[in-house]
Amino acid sequence: MKKIVITGADGFVGLNLTQTWASRFALTGFVLPHRKSFYEDFCKALPQAETQIPVKILAGTFAETSALKEAVKDADYVIHCVGNMLGRKYEKYYAANARSVFQLLEAIQETNPNIQRVILMSSQAAMGPASPNSPQTESDPTNPISFYGRSKLEGELFAESFFKKLPVTILRPCSIYGPWDRSFLRMFQYASRGQFGILYNRETQFNIIHVRDLVRAIEVALQDEGSGHRFLIADSQPHIWNDLIQIFSEIHHRPMKIVHLDSWLADLYLRYFDFQELLTGKSDILSSAKAEELKEKNWLCSAEKFSKTFSWLPQIPLKQGFTEQVEWCKTMGWT
C-alpha cells in the first residue's frame, strides 16, 4: 500500500483527500498543533474498511522541522495542501503559500530524496487574470494581482529550485467548492435566505470545480513523469454570476434578491473586514487584499493540457454539485 503524506490535511482539500483515500492508501496527515484534535476527530468518524490502515497524524510547524522530516521520510508521495487565503497582511500569505514550500522540499531532499512524487497545490491566482475573452493556458505569462496569487507564485518559484533534485508537479486549480469549503460559505448562506451578493463586476467570467473532481485530478497527477510540470485544473464550462443565481433559484424554489455593490461601495464593504481583523485579530476570506481579483472580468482558464496528458475530465455538473453542497451545509448546520 502506497504511503502518502498530506500537509495541511485539516484544511478543505486535505480533508477531502483524507476521506477519499483513507481506505486505499497509508495516509499521514501533517497538521498544525492547534488543529490536531479536530483532525483526529475527523479521522475517527471516517467509515472503516476491513483492510484500512488508520490515518497517522503528526502535528508540527514548518519553522521547526523535526516533525515535518518525520512525516515525509518514508513517504512515496507528498501532497502539499498548506495555504492561506485570509486576511490583509502579506506575511500570513507568504508564510503559508511560499515559505512552507521551501521548508517542505528542503525536508524531503534531506530525508527522502528518492520520493516518487511531490504534488504542490498552487492556484490559478498565481497566473493572474486572463486576457479579455480568452481562457488562460499554461503558456501564458504570469501576472498575479493579489497577495494570495503573488504568494502562490513565490511558492512555485521556490519549487523551481528543486526541479532538478525532486520530482515536483504543480497544480493550479480554479475556484473550488464542496464539503468543508468556507471560501464560498457566505454565498451559500445568503442564497439559503434568498439573497445573492455581487461585488464589482456583474459579468465576470470564471471557472469553478467541485473538490471531488480536484481529488481525482490530484490522484492521476501522481502518475506524472519528470519534474517541473505545471497544470491548470478547471471545469470545461465558463460561468457568470447569473448562472449561479439561476441554479440557486432552482434549488431553493425562490427567486434570488441580487445585492450588487459596485466601485466605492464594494471598497467600503471590504474595508469593513480589514477593520474587523484589526479589532479581533480574526481574518476573513474577504478583505481589501481581495479587491483587485474581484474587479477583474475574466478568470477563465483551460485544463486542456491536463486533460490530454492524463485522460481526465471533470464529472460533476455545477447544478449537481451545488445541490449536494446545499444539503451538506444544512446537514452540518452551516446554513
C-alpha atoms as a PDB file:
ATOM      1  CA  MET A   1       0.000   0.000   0.000  1.00  0.00           C
ATOM      2  CA  LYS A   2       1.446   3.341  -1.064  1.00  0.00           C
ATOM      3  CA  LYS A   3       2.348   5.828   1.657  1.00  0.00           C
ATOM      4  CA  ILE A   4       1.026   9.346   1.092  1.00  0.00           C
ATOM      5  CA  VAL A   5       1.632  12.389   3.260  1.00  0.00           C
ATOM      6  CA  ILE A   6      -0.896  15.216   3.112  1.00  0.00           C
ATOM      7  CA  THR A   7       0.324  18.511   4.528  1.00  0.00           C
ATOM      8  CA  GLY A   8      -2.464  20.816   5.610  1.00  0.00           C
ATOM      9  CA  ALA A   9      -4.568  17.681   5.976  1.00  0.00           C
ATOM     10  CA  ASP A  10      -7.042  19.505   8.218  1.00  0.00           C
ATOM     11  CA  GLY A  11      -7.937  22.045   5.509  1.00  0.00           C
ATOM     12  CA  PHE A  12     -10.596  21.978   2.812  1.00  0.00           C
ATOM     13  CA  VAL A  13      -8.735  19.950   0.175  1.00  0.00           C
ATOM     14  CA  GLY A  14      -6.812  17.918   2.746  1.00  0.00           C
ATOM     15  CA  LEU A  15      -9.981  16.705   4.451  1.00  0.00           C
ATOM     16  CA  ASN A  16     -11.463  15.604   1.136  1.00  0.00           C
ATOM     17  CA  LEU A  17      -8.253  13.794   0.183  1.00  0.00           C
ATOM     18  CA  THR A  18      -8.268  12.056   3.562  1.00  0.00           C
ATOM     19  CA  GLN A  19     -11.900  10.989   3.218  1.00  0.00           C
ATOM     20  CA  THR A  20     -11.433   9.682  -0.328  1.00  0.00           C
ATOM     21  CA  TRP A  21      -8.092   7.956   0.121  1.00  0.00           C
ATOM     22  CA  ALA A  22      -8.191   6.574   3.676  1.00  0.00           C
ATOM     23  CA  SER A  23      -9.355   3.126   2.548  1.00  0.00           C
ATOM     24  CA  ARG A  24      -6.837   2.820  -0.315  1.00  0.00           C
ATOM     25  CA  PHE A  25      -3.571   4.361   0.865  1.00  0.00           C
ATOM     26  CA  ALA A  26      -1.499   4.514   4.038  1.00  0.00           C
ATOM     27  CA  LEU A  27      -2.039   8.154   4.903  1.00  0.00           C
ATOM     28  CA  THR A  28      -0.155  10.520   7.157  1.00  0.00           C
ATOM     29  CA  GLY A  29      -1.817  13.823   7.902  1.00  0.00           C
ATOM     30  CA  PHE A  30       0.547  16.645   8.848  1.00  0.00           C
ATOM     31  CA  VAL A  31      -1.290  19.408  10.706  1.00  0.00           C
ATOM     32  CA  LEU A  32      -0.519  22.369  12.927  1.00  0.00           C
ATOM     33  CA  PRO A  33      -0.612  21.532  16.651  1.00  0.00           C
ATOM     34  CA  HIS A  34      -3.757  23.538  17.400  1.00  0.00           C
ATOM     35  CA  ARG A  35      -5.656  21.623  14.689  1.00  0.00           C
ATOM     36  CA  LYS A  36      -4.610  18.126  15.721  1.00  0.00           C
ATOM     37  CA  SER A  37      -7.662  17.319  17.866  1.00  0.00           C
ATOM     38  CA  PHE A  38     -10.054  18.424  15.109  1.00  0.00           C
ATOM     39  CA  TYR A  39      -8.305  16.223  12.547  1.00  0.00           C
ATOM     40  CA  GLU A  40      -8.215  13.288  14.981  1.00  0.00           C
ATOM     41  CA  ASP A  41     -11.984  13.556  15.456  1.00  0.00           C
ATOM     42  CA  PHE A  42     -12.483  13.782  11.690  1.00  0.00           C
ATOM     43  CA  CYS A  43     -10.438  10.629  11.083  1.00  0.00           C
ATOM     44  CA  LYS A  44     -12.212   8.707  13.844  1.00  0.00           C
ATOM     45  CA  ALA A  45     -15.550   9.440  12.157  1.00  0.00           C
ATOM     46  CA  LEU A  46     -14.461   8.011   8.789  1.00  0.00           C
ATOM     47  CA  PRO A  47     -16.081   4.720   7.707  1.00  0.00           C
ATOM     48  CA  GLN A  48     -13.584   1.940   8.425  1.00  0.00           C
ATOM     49  CA  ALA A  49     -12.767  -0.621   5.755  1.00  0.00           C
ATOM     50  CA  GLU A  50     -11.500  -4.022   6.918  1.00  0.00           C
ATOM     51  CA  THR A  51      -8.127  -3.551   5.230  1.00  0.00           C
ATOM     52  CA  GLN A  52      -7.792   0.120   6.152  1.00  0.00           C
ATOM     53  CA  ILE A  53      -4.701   1.331   7.967  1.00  0.00           C
ATOM     54  CA  PRO A  54      -5.580   4.091  10.471  1.00  0.00           C
ATOM     55  CA  VAL A  55      -4.514   7.550   9.366  1.00  0.00           C
ATOM     56  CA  LYS A  56      -1.269   8.517  11.043  1.00  0.00           C
ATOM     57  CA  ILE A  57      -1.388  12.041  12.432  1.00  0.00           C
ATOM     58  CA  LEU A  58       1.651  14.201  13.063  1.00  0.00           C
ATOM     59  CA  ALA A  59       1.466  17.737  14.400  1.00  0.00           C
ATOM     60  CA  GLY A  60       4.162  20.316  13.922  1.00  0.00           C
ATOM     61  CA  THR A  61       5.185  23.531  12.218  1.00  0.00           C
ATOM     62  CA  PHE A  62       7.209  24.260   9.128  1.00  0.00           C
ATOM     63  CA  ALA A  63       9.590  26.522  11.025  1.00  0.00           C
ATOM     64  CA  GLU A  64      10.576  23.730  13.445  1.00  0.00           C
ATOM     65  CA  THR A  65      11.113  20.875  11.016  1.00  0.00           C
ATOM     66  CA  SER A  66      11.654  17.769  13.156  1.00  0.00           C
ATOM     67  CA  ALA A  67       8.016  16.634  12.912  1.00  0.00           C
ATOM     68  CA  LEU A  68       7.923  17.538   9.223  1.00  0.00           C
ATOM     69  CA  LYS A  69      11.003  15.432   8.487  1.00  0.00           C
ATOM     70  CA  GLU A  70       9.494  12.552  10.469  1.00  0.00           C
ATOM     71  CA  ALA A  71       6.327  12.805   8.372  1.00  0.00           C
ATOM     72  CA  VAL A  72       7.995  12.742   4.945  1.00  0.00           C
ATOM     73  CA  LYS A  73      10.972  10.452   5.464  1.00  0.00           C
ATOM     74  CA  ASP A  74       9.246   7.224   4.321  1.00  0.00           C
ATOM     75  CA  ALA A  75       6.601   8.683   2.003  1.00  0.00           C
ATOM     76  CA  ASP A  76       6.039   7.518  -1.547  1.00  0.00           C
ATOM     77  CA  TYR A  77       4.134  10.719  -2.306  1.00  0.00           C
ATOM     78  CA  VAL A  78       3.572  14.087  -0.633  1.00  0.00           C
ATOM     79  CA  ILE A  79       0.617  16.362  -1.410  1.00  0.00           C
ATOM     80  CA  HIS A  80       1.292  19.906  -0.200  1.00  0.00           C
ATOM     81  CA  CYS A  81      -2.099  21.428   0.587  1.00  0.00           C
ATOM     82  CA  VAL A  82      -0.988  24.092   3.051  1.00  0.00           C
ATOM     83  CA  GLY A  83      -2.250  27.524   2.103  1.00  0.00           C
ATOM     84  CA  ASN A  84      -3.747  30.771   3.310  1.00  0.00           C
ATOM     85  CA  MET A  85      -6.471  32.822   1.582  1.00  0.00           C
ATOM     86  CA  LEU A  86      -7.431  35.013   4.508  1.00  0.00           C
ATOM     87  CA  GLY A  87      -6.711  38.499   5.711  1.00  0.00           C
ATOM     88  CA  ARG A  88      -4.993  41.727   4.744  1.00  0.00           C
ATOM     89  CA  LYS A  89      -1.382  41.019   5.840  1.00  0.00           C
ATOM     90  CA  TYR A  90       1.024  39.706   3.209  1.00  0.00           C
ATOM     91  CA  GLU A  91       3.259  37.927   5.736  1.00  0.00           C
ATOM     92  CA  LYS A  92       0.479  35.436   6.519  1.00  0.00           C
ATOM     93  CA  TYR A  93       0.097  34.641   2.826  1.00  0.00           C
ATOM     94  CA  TYR A  94       3.847  34.385   2.292  1.00  0.00           C
ATOM     95  CA  ALA A  95       4.447  32.073   5.255  1.00  0.00           C
ATOM     96  CA  ALA A  96       1.755  29.572   4.217  1.00  0.00           C
ATOM     97  CA  ASN A  97       1.876  29.794   0.436  1.00  0.00           C
ATOM     98  CA  ALA A  98       5.571  30.375  -0.260  1.00  0.00           C
ATOM     99  CA  ARG A  99       7.937  29.763   2.642  1.00  0.00           C
ATOM    100  CA  SER A 100       6.292  26.449   3.575  1.00  0.00           C
ATOM    101  CA  VAL A 101       7.050  25.134   0.062  1.00  0.00           C
ATOM    102  CA  PHE A 102      10.777  25.696   0.501  1.00  0.00           C
ATOM    103  CA  GLN A 103      10.728  24.228   4.018  1.00  0.00           C
ATOM    104  CA  LEU A 104       8.857  21.130   2.855  1.00  0.00           C
ATOM    105  CA  LEU A 105      11.038  20.444  -0.188  1.00  0.00           C
ATOM    106  CA  GLU A 106      14.187  21.015   1.823  1.00  0.00           C
ATOM    107  CA  ALA A 107      12.981  18.454   4.381  1.00  0.00           C
ATOM    108  CA  ILE A 108      12.179  15.948   1.616  1.00  0.00           C
ATOM    109  CA  GLN A 109      15.531  16.448  -0.087  1.00  0.00           C
ATOM    110  CA  GLU A 110      17.315  15.792   3.210  1.00  0.00           C
ATOM    111  CA  THR A 111      15.322  12.759   4.380  1.00  0.00           C
ATOM    112  CA  ASN A 112      13.701  11.215   1.288  1.00  0.00           C
ATOM    113  CA  PRO A 113      15.440  12.277  -1.964  1.00  0.00           C
ATOM    114  CA  ASN A 114      14.116   9.231  -3.856  1.00  0.00           C
ATOM    115  CA  ILE A 115      10.461  10.095  -3.260  1.00  0.00           C
ATOM    116  CA  GLN A 116       8.218   9.137  -6.176  1.00  0.00           C
ATOM    117  CA  ARG A 117       6.436  12.497  -6.473  1.00  0.00           C
ATOM    118  CA  VAL A 118       5.563  15.737  -4.723  1.00  0.00           C
ATOM    119  CA  ILE A 119       2.330  17.492  -5.718  1.00  0.00           C
ATOM    120  CA  LEU A 120       2.297  21.217  -4.966  1.00  0.00           C
ATOM    121  CA  MET A 121      -1.184  22.698  -4.759  1.00  0.00           C
ATOM    122  CA  SER A 122      -0.848  26.170  -6.215  1.00  0.00           C
ATOM    123  CA  SER A 123      -3.686  28.196  -7.739  1.00  0.00           C
ATOM    124  CA  GLN A 124      -4.941  29.809 -10.925  1.00  0.00           C
ATOM    125  CA  ALA A 125      -4.447  33.047  -8.975  1.00  0.00           C
ATOM    126  CA  ALA A 126      -0.675  32.569  -9.360  1.00  0.00           C
ATOM    127  CA  MET A 127      -1.161  33.373 -13.054  1.00  0.00           C
ATOM    128  CA  GLY A 128      -3.434  36.358 -12.554  1.00  0.00           C
ATOM    129  CA  PRO A 129      -6.479  37.151 -14.694  1.00  0.00           C
ATOM    130  CA  ALA A 130      -6.847  36.048 -18.301  1.00  0.00           C
ATOM    131  CA  SER A 131      -6.826  38.276 -21.349  1.00  0.00           C
ATOM    132  CA  PRO A 132     -10.262  39.532 -22.440  1.00  0.00           C
ATOM    133  CA  ASN A 133     -12.434  36.765 -23.938  1.00  0.00           C
ATOM    134  CA  SER A 134      -9.626  34.213 -23.907  1.00  0.00           C
ATOM    135  CA  PRO A 135      -9.069  31.464 -21.299  1.00  0.00           C
ATOM    136  CA  GLN A 136      -5.658  31.153 -19.684  1.00  0.00           C
ATOM    137  CA  THR A 137      -3.286  28.375 -20.641  1.00  0.00           C
ATOM    138  CA  GLU A 138      -0.054  27.250 -19.026  1.00  0.00           C
ATOM    139  CA  SER A 139       1.964  29.043 -21.714  1.00  0.00           C
ATOM    140  CA  ASP A 140       0.591  32.462 -20.769  1.00  0.00           C
ATOM    141  CA  PRO A 141       2.805  34.804 -18.733  1.00  0.00           C
ATOM    142  CA  THR A 142       2.141  35.084 -15.007  1.00  0.00           C
ATOM    143  CA  ASN A 143       0.786  38.346 -13.623  1.00  0.00           C
ATOM    144  CA  PRO A 144      -0.750  37.746 -10.177  1.00  0.00           C
ATOM    145  CA  ILE A 145      -2.633  40.742  -8.787  1.00  0.00           C
ATOM    146  CA  SER A 146      -3.424  39.743  -5.194  1.00  0.00           C
ATOM    147  CA  PHE A 147      -1.482  38.800  -2.064  1.00  0.00           C
ATOM    148  CA  TYR A 148      -2.801  35.266  -2.497  1.00  0.00           C
ATOM    149  CA  GLY A 149      -1.737  34.976  -6.130  1.00  0.00           C
ATOM    150  CA  ARG A 150       1.673  36.571  -5.614  1.00  0.00           C
ATOM    151  CA  SER A 151       2.492  34.336  -2.657  1.00  0.00           C
ATOM    152  CA  LYS A 152       1.358  31.223  -4.550  1.00  0.00           C
ATOM    153  CA  LEU A 153       3.637  32.181  -7.427  1.00  0.00           C
ATOM    154  CA  GLU A 154       6.521  32.718  -4.992  1.00  0.00           C
ATOM    155  CA  GLY A 155       5.874  29.198  -3.712  1.00  0.00           C
ATOM    156  CA  GLU A 156       6.170  27.929  -7.284  1.00  0.00           C
ATOM    157  CA  LEU A 157       9.450  29.816  -7.706  1.00  0.00           C
ATOM    158  CA  PHE A 158      10.811  28.155  -4.566  1.00  0.00           C
ATOM    159  CA  ALA A 159       9.773  24.811  -6.047  1.00  0.00           C
ATOM    160  CA  GLU A 160      11.685  25.593  -9.243  1.00  0.00           C
ATOM    161  CA  SER A 161      14.951  25.462  -7.328  1.00  0.00           C
ATOM    162  CA  PHE A 162      14.226  21.789  -6.554  1.00  0.00           C
ATOM    163  CA  PHE A 163      13.112  20.678 -10.041  1.00  0.00           C
ATOM    164  CA  LYS A 164      16.481  19.041 -10.779  1.00  0.00           C
ATOM    165  CA  LYS A 165      16.568  17.327  -7.388  1.00  0.00           C
ATOM    166  CA  LEU A 166      12.987  16.151  -6.756  1.00  0.00           C
ATOM    167  CA  PRO A 167      10.028  15.083  -8.940  1.00  0.00           C
ATOM    168  CA  VAL A 168       7.659  18.025  -8.406  1.00  0.00           C
ATOM    169  CA  THR A 169       4.323  18.602 -10.150  1.00  0.00           C
ATOM    170  CA  ILE A 170       2.466  21.894  -9.702  1.00  0.00           C
ATOM    171  CA  LEU A 171      -1.330  22.042  -9.968  1.00  0.00           C
ATOM    172  CA  ARG A 172      -3.140  25.345 -10.441  1.00  0.00           C
ATOM    173  CA  PRO A 173      -6.848  24.757  -9.783  1.00  0.00           C
ATOM    174  CA  CYS A 174      -9.513  27.342 -10.479  1.00  0.00           C
ATOM    175  CA  SER A 175     -12.038  28.189  -7.743  1.00  0.00           C
ATOM    176  CA  ILE A 176     -13.038  25.082  -5.767  1.00  0.00           C
ATOM    177  CA  TYR A 177     -16.168  24.296  -3.770  1.00  0.00           C
ATOM    178  CA  GLY A 178     -17.520  21.299  -1.879  1.00  0.00           C
ATOM    179  CA  PRO A 179     -17.675  19.809   1.636  1.00  0.00           C
ATOM    180  CA  TRP A 180     -15.616  21.677   4.234  1.00  0.00           C
ATOM    181  CA  ASP A 181     -15.128  24.708   1.981  1.00  0.00           C
ATOM    182  CA  ARG A 182     -15.546  28.052   3.723  1.00  0.00           C
ATOM    183  CA  SER A 183     -14.489  30.373   0.902  1.00  0.00           C
ATOM    184  CA  PHE A 184     -17.933  30.100  -0.725  1.00  0.00           C
ATOM    185  CA  LEU A 185     -19.831  29.544   2.529  1.00  0.00           C
ATOM    186  CA  ARG A 186     -21.141  33.115   2.756  1.00  0.00           C
ATOM    187  CA  MET A 187     -22.597  32.735  -0.755  1.00  0.00           C
ATOM    188  CA  PHE A 188     -24.427  29.527   0.212  1.00  0.00           C
ATOM    189  CA  GLN A 189     -25.667  31.098   3.450  1.00  0.00           C
ATOM    190  CA  TYR A 190     -27.087  34.145   1.677  1.00  0.00           C
ATOM    191  CA  ALA A 191     -28.642  32.000  -1.060  1.00  0.00           C
ATOM    192  CA  SER A 192     -30.444  29.937   1.593  1.00  0.00           C
ATOM    193  CA  ARG A 193     -32.149  33.207   2.586  1.00  0.00           C
ATOM    194  CA  GLY A 194     -32.936  34.147  -0.997  1.00  0.00           C
ATOM    195  CA  GLN A 195     -30.087  36.629  -1.443  1.00  0.00           C
ATOM    196  CA  PHE A 196     -27.081  36.766  -3.755  1.00  0.00           C
ATOM    197  CA  GLY A 197     -24.331  39.333  -3.415  1.00  0.00           C
ATOM    198  CA  ILE A 198     -22.063  40.559  -6.220  1.00  0.00           C
ATOM    199  CA  LEU A 199     -19.044  42.798  -5.706  1.00  0.00           C
ATOM    200  CA  TYR A 200     -17.803  44.971  -8.576  1.00  0.00           C
ATOM    201  CA  ASN A 201     -18.479  43.269 -11.943  1.00  0.00           C
ATOM    202  CA  ARG A 202     -21.763  41.516 -12.677  1.00  0.00           C
ATOM    203  CA  GLU A 203     -20.408  39.955 -15.875  1.00  0.00           C
ATOM    204  CA  THR A 204     -17.219  38.378 -14.540  1.00  0.00           C
ATOM    205  CA  GLN A 205     -16.418  35.074 -16.288  1.00  0.00           C
ATOM    206  CA  PHE A 206     -14.866  32.261 -14.286  1.00  0.00           C
ATOM    207  CA  ASN A 207     -14.448  28.515 -13.839  1.00  0.00           C
ATOM    208  CA  ILE A 208     -15.410  26.628 -10.712  1.00  0.00           C
ATOM    209  CA  ILE A 209     -14.823  22.967  -9.906  1.00  0.00           C
ATOM    210  CA  HIS A 210     -16.094  20.508  -7.306  1.00  0.00           C
ATOM    211  CA  VAL A 211     -13.485  19.253  -4.872  1.00  0.00           C
ATOM    212  CA  ARG A 212     -14.188  15.609  -5.785  1.00  0.00           C
ATOM    213  CA  ASP A 213     -13.106  16.341  -9.340  1.00  0.00           C
ATOM    214  CA  LEU A 214      -9.980  18.014  -7.961  1.00  0.00           C
ATOM    215  CA  VAL A 215      -9.226  14.962  -5.802  1.00  0.00           C
ATOM    216  CA  ARG A 216      -9.451  12.799  -8.918  1.00  0.00           C
ATOM    217  CA  ALA A 217      -7.089  15.177 -10.687  1.00  0.00           C
ATOM    218  CA  ILE A 218      -4.566  15.022  -7.854  1.00  0.00           C
ATOM    219  CA  GLU A 219      -4.643  11.227  -7.916  1.00  0.00           C
ATOM    220  CA  VAL A 220      -3.982  10.939 -11.642  1.00  0.00           C
ATOM    221  CA  ALA A 221      -1.219  13.566 -11.324  1.00  0.00           C
ATOM    222  CA  LEU A 222       0.679  11.089  -9.149  1.00  0.00           C
ATOM    223  CA  GLN A 223       1.443   9.333 -12.447  1.00  0.00           C
ATOM    224  CA  ASP A 224       3.284  12.370 -13.827  1.00  0.00           C
ATOM    225  CA  GLU A 225       6.827  11.848 -15.055  1.00  0.00           C
ATOM    226  CA  GLY A 226       9.800  14.148 -14.821  1.00  0.00           C
ATOM    227  CA  SER A 227       9.700  17.347 -12.805  1.00  0.00           C
ATOM    228  CA  GLY A 228       8.552  20.915 -13.165  1.00  0.00           C
ATOM    229  CA  HIS A 229       5.273  20.388 -14.972  1.00  0.00           C
ATOM    230  CA  ARG A 230       2.529  22.920 -14.280  1.00  0.00           C
ATOM    231  CA  PHE A 231      -1.130  22.194 -14.967  1.00  0.00           C
ATOM    232  CA  LEU A 232      -4.298  24.256 -14.746  1.00  0.00           C
ATOM    233  CA  ILE A 233      -7.266  22.341 -13.323  1.00  0.00           C
ATOM    234  CA  ALA A 234     -10.786  23.543 -14.168  1.00  0.00           C
ATOM    235  CA  ASP A 235     -14.209  22.535 -15.367  1.00  0.00           C
ATOM    236  CA  SER A 236     -14.828  22.899 -19.075  1.00  0.00           C
ATOM    237  CA  GLN A 237     -17.750  25.314 -18.771  1.00  0.00           C
ATOM    238  CA  PRO A 238     -17.388  29.101 -18.431  1.00  0.00           C
ATOM    239  CA  HIS A 239     -19.716  30.697 -15.891  1.00  0.00           C
ATOM    240  CA  ILE A 240     -21.014  34.127 -14.949  1.00  0.00           C
ATOM    241  CA  TRP A 241     -22.786  35.141 -11.744  1.00  0.00           C
ATOM    242  CA  ASN A 242     -26.208  34.784 -13.381  1.00  0.00           C
ATOM    243  CA  ASP A 243     -25.541  31.060 -13.874  1.00  0.00           C
ATOM    244  CA  LEU A 244     -25.108  30.627 -10.123  1.00  0.00           C
ATOM    245  CA  ILE A 245     -28.142  32.796  -9.379  1.00  0.00           C
ATOM    246  CA  GLN A 246     -30.284  30.633 -11.660  1.00  0.00           C
ATOM    247  CA  ILE A 247     -29.060  27.423 -10.040  1.00  0.00           C
ATOM    248  CA  PHE A 248     -29.694  28.704  -6.510  1.00  0.00           C
ATOM    249  CA  SER A 249     -33.178  29.849  -7.542  1.00  0.00           C
ATOM    250  CA  GLU A 250     -33.964  26.378  -8.818  1.00  0.00           C
ATOM    251  CA  ILE A 251     -32.519  24.629  -5.758  1.00  0.00           C
ATOM    252  CA  HIS A 252     -34.326  26.846  -3.238  1.00  0.00           C
ATOM    253  CA  HIS A 253     -37.503  27.249  -5.343  1.00  0.00           C
ATOM    254  CA  ARG A 254     -37.443  31.014  -4.967  1.00  0.00           C
ATOM    255  CA  PRO A 255     -36.011  33.989  -6.849  1.00  0.00           C
ATOM    256  CA  MET A 256     -32.744  35.418  -5.585  1.00  0.00           C
ATOM    257  CA  LYS A 257     -32.667  39.057  -4.497  1.00  0.00           C
ATOM    258  CA  ILE A 258     -29.466  40.417  -6.045  1.00  0.00           C
ATOM    259  CA  VAL A 259     -27.410  42.808  -3.952  1.00  0.00           C
ATOM    260  CA  HIS A 260     -24.813  44.437  -6.201  1.00  0.00           C
ATOM    261  CA  LEU A 261     -22.111  46.635  -4.686  1.00  0.00           C
ATOM    262  CA  ASP A 262     -20.132  48.500  -7.304  1.00  0.00           C
ATOM    263  CA  SER A 263     -16.969  50.585  -7.050  1.00  0.00           C
ATOM    264  CA  TRP A 264     -16.695  52.590  -3.828  1.00  0.00           C
ATOM    265  CA  LEU A 265     -19.466  50.668  -2.035  1.00  0.00           C
ATOM    266  CA  ALA A 266     -17.617  47.398  -2.624  1.00  0.00           C
ATOM    267  CA  ASP A 267     -14.361  49.043  -1.486  1.00  0.00           C
ATOM    268  CA  LEU A 268     -16.059  50.205   1.699  1.00  0.00           C
ATOM    269  CA  TYR A 269     -17.570  46.767   2.302  1.00  0.00           C
ATOM    270  CA  LEU A 270     -14.179  45.060   2.011  1.00  0.00           C
ATOM    271  CA  ARG A 271     -12.554  47.618   4.319  1.00  0.00           C
ATOM    272  CA  TYR A 272     -15.094  46.611   6.953  1.00  0.00           C
ATOM    273  CA  PHE A 273     -13.394  43.190   7.092  1.00  0.00           C
ATOM    274  CA  ASP A 274      -9.980  44.887   7.377  1.00  0.00           C
ATOM    275  CA  PHE A 275     -11.303  46.808  10.379  1.00  0.00           C
ATOM    276  CA  GLN A 276     -12.815  43.651  11.853  1.00  0.00           C
ATOM    277  CA  GLU A 277      -9.453  41.888  11.572  1.00  0.00           C
ATOM    278  CA  LEU A 278      -7.726  44.852  13.183  1.00  0.00           C
ATOM    279  CA  LEU A 279     -10.114  44.744  16.149  1.00  0.00           C
ATOM    280  CA  THR A 280     -10.441  40.983  16.649  1.00  0.00           C
ATOM    281  CA  GLY A 281      -7.335  39.509  15.024  1.00  0.00           C
ATOM    282  CA  LYS A 282      -9.609  37.187  13.055  1.00  0.00           C
ATOM    283  CA  SER A 283      -9.018  37.069   9.292  1.00  0.00           C
ATOM    284  CA  ASP A 284     -11.751  36.641   6.692  1.00  0.00           C
ATOM    285  CA  ILE A 285     -11.815  35.465   3.097  1.00  0.00           C
ATOM    286  CA  LEU A 286     -12.990  38.994   2.285  1.00  0.00           C
ATOM    287  CA  SER A 287     -10.640  41.950   2.745  1.00  0.00           C
ATOM    288  CA  SER A 288      -9.186  44.801   0.735  1.00  0.00           C
ATOM    289  CA  ALA A 289      -6.487  42.323  -0.367  1.00  0.00           C
ATOM    290  CA  LYS A 290      -9.207  40.577  -2.384  1.00  0.00           C
ATOM    291  CA  ALA A 291     -10.385  43.685  -4.231  1.00  0.00           C
ATOM    292  CA  GLU A 292      -8.153  43.514  -7.298  1.00  0.00           C
ATOM    293  CA  GLU A 293      -9.160  39.914  -8.038  1.00  0.00           C
ATOM    294  CA  LEU A 294     -12.848  40.746  -7.693  1.00  0.00           C
ATOM    295  CA  LYS A 295     -12.561  43.714 -10.061  1.00  0.00           C
ATOM    296  CA  GLU A 296     -11.255  41.604 -12.937  1.00  0.00           C
ATOM    297  CA  LYS A 297     -13.685  40.437 -15.613  1.00  0.00           C
ATOM    298  CA  ASN A 298     -12.002  37.293 -16.958  1.00  0.00           C
ATOM    299  CA  TRP A 299     -10.893  34.409 -14.751  1.00  0.00           C
ATOM    300  CA  LEU A 300     -11.406  31.716 -17.379  1.00  0.00           C
ATOM    301  CA  CYS A 301      -8.746  29.036 -17.795  1.00  0.00           C
ATOM    302  CA  SER A 302      -8.301  25.860 -19.822  1.00  0.00           C
ATOM    303  CA  ALA A 303      -7.465  22.431 -18.405  1.00  0.00           C
ATOM    304  CA  GLU A 304      -6.871  21.018 -21.889  1.00  0.00           C
ATOM    305  CA  LYS A 305      -3.203  20.257 -21.246  1.00  0.00           C
ATOM    306  CA  PHE A 306      -4.017  18.287 -18.074  1.00  0.00           C
ATOM    307  CA  SER A 307      -6.956  16.501 -19.689  1.00  0.00           C
ATOM    308  CA  LYS A 308      -4.872  15.363 -22.662  1.00  0.00           C
ATOM    309  CA  THR A 309      -1.936  14.302 -20.502  1.00  0.00           C
ATOM    310  CA  PHE A 310      -3.922  12.210 -18.019  1.00  0.00           C
ATOM    311  CA  SER A 311      -7.247  11.487 -19.808  1.00  0.00           C
ATOM    312  CA  TRP A 312      -9.040  13.392 -17.042  1.00  0.00           C
ATOM    313  CA  LEU A 313     -12.345  15.207 -17.324  1.00  0.00           C
ATOM    314  CA  PRO A 314     -14.494  16.802 -14.613  1.00  0.00           C
ATOM    315  CA  GLN A 315     -17.566  14.714 -13.862  1.00  0.00           C
ATOM    316  CA  ILE A 316     -19.757  16.836 -11.574  1.00  0.00           C
ATOM    317  CA  PRO A 317     -22.022  19.415 -13.288  1.00  0.00           C
ATOM    318  CA  LEU A 318     -22.421  22.677 -11.400  1.00  0.00           C
ATOM    319  CA  LYS A 319     -26.094  22.213 -10.564  1.00  0.00           C
ATOM    320  CA  GLN A 320     -25.474  18.711  -9.179  1.00  0.00           C
ATOM    321  CA  GLY A 321     -22.529  19.928  -7.117  1.00  0.00           C
ATOM    322  CA  PHE A 322     -24.390  22.955  -5.768  1.00  0.00           C
ATOM    323  CA  THR A 323     -27.420  20.822  -4.900  1.00  0.00           C
ATOM    324  CA  GLU A 324     -25.193  18.429  -2.938  1.00  0.00           C
ATOM    325  CA  GLN A 325     -23.395  21.312  -1.238  1.00  0.00           C
ATOM    326  CA  VAL A 326     -26.652  22.967  -0.164  1.00  0.00           C
ATOM    327  CA  GLU A 327     -27.699  19.702   1.507  1.00  0.00           C
ATOM    328  CA  TRP A 328     -24.259  19.202   3.067  1.00  0.00           C
ATOM    329  CA  CYS A 329     -24.311  22.699   4.563  1.00  0.00           C
ATOM    330  CA  LYS A 330     -27.780  22.055   6.007  1.00  0.00           C
ATOM    331  CA  THR A 331     -26.669  18.728   7.494  1.00  0.00           C
ATOM    332  CA  MET A 332     -23.607  20.334   9.090  1.00  0.00           C
ATOM    333  CA  GLY A 333     -25.619  23.264  10.432  1.00  0.00           C
ATOM    334  CA  TRP A 334     -23.606  25.724   8.359  1.00  0.00           C
ATOM    335  CA  THR A 335     -26.711  27.283   6.800  1.00  0.00           C
END
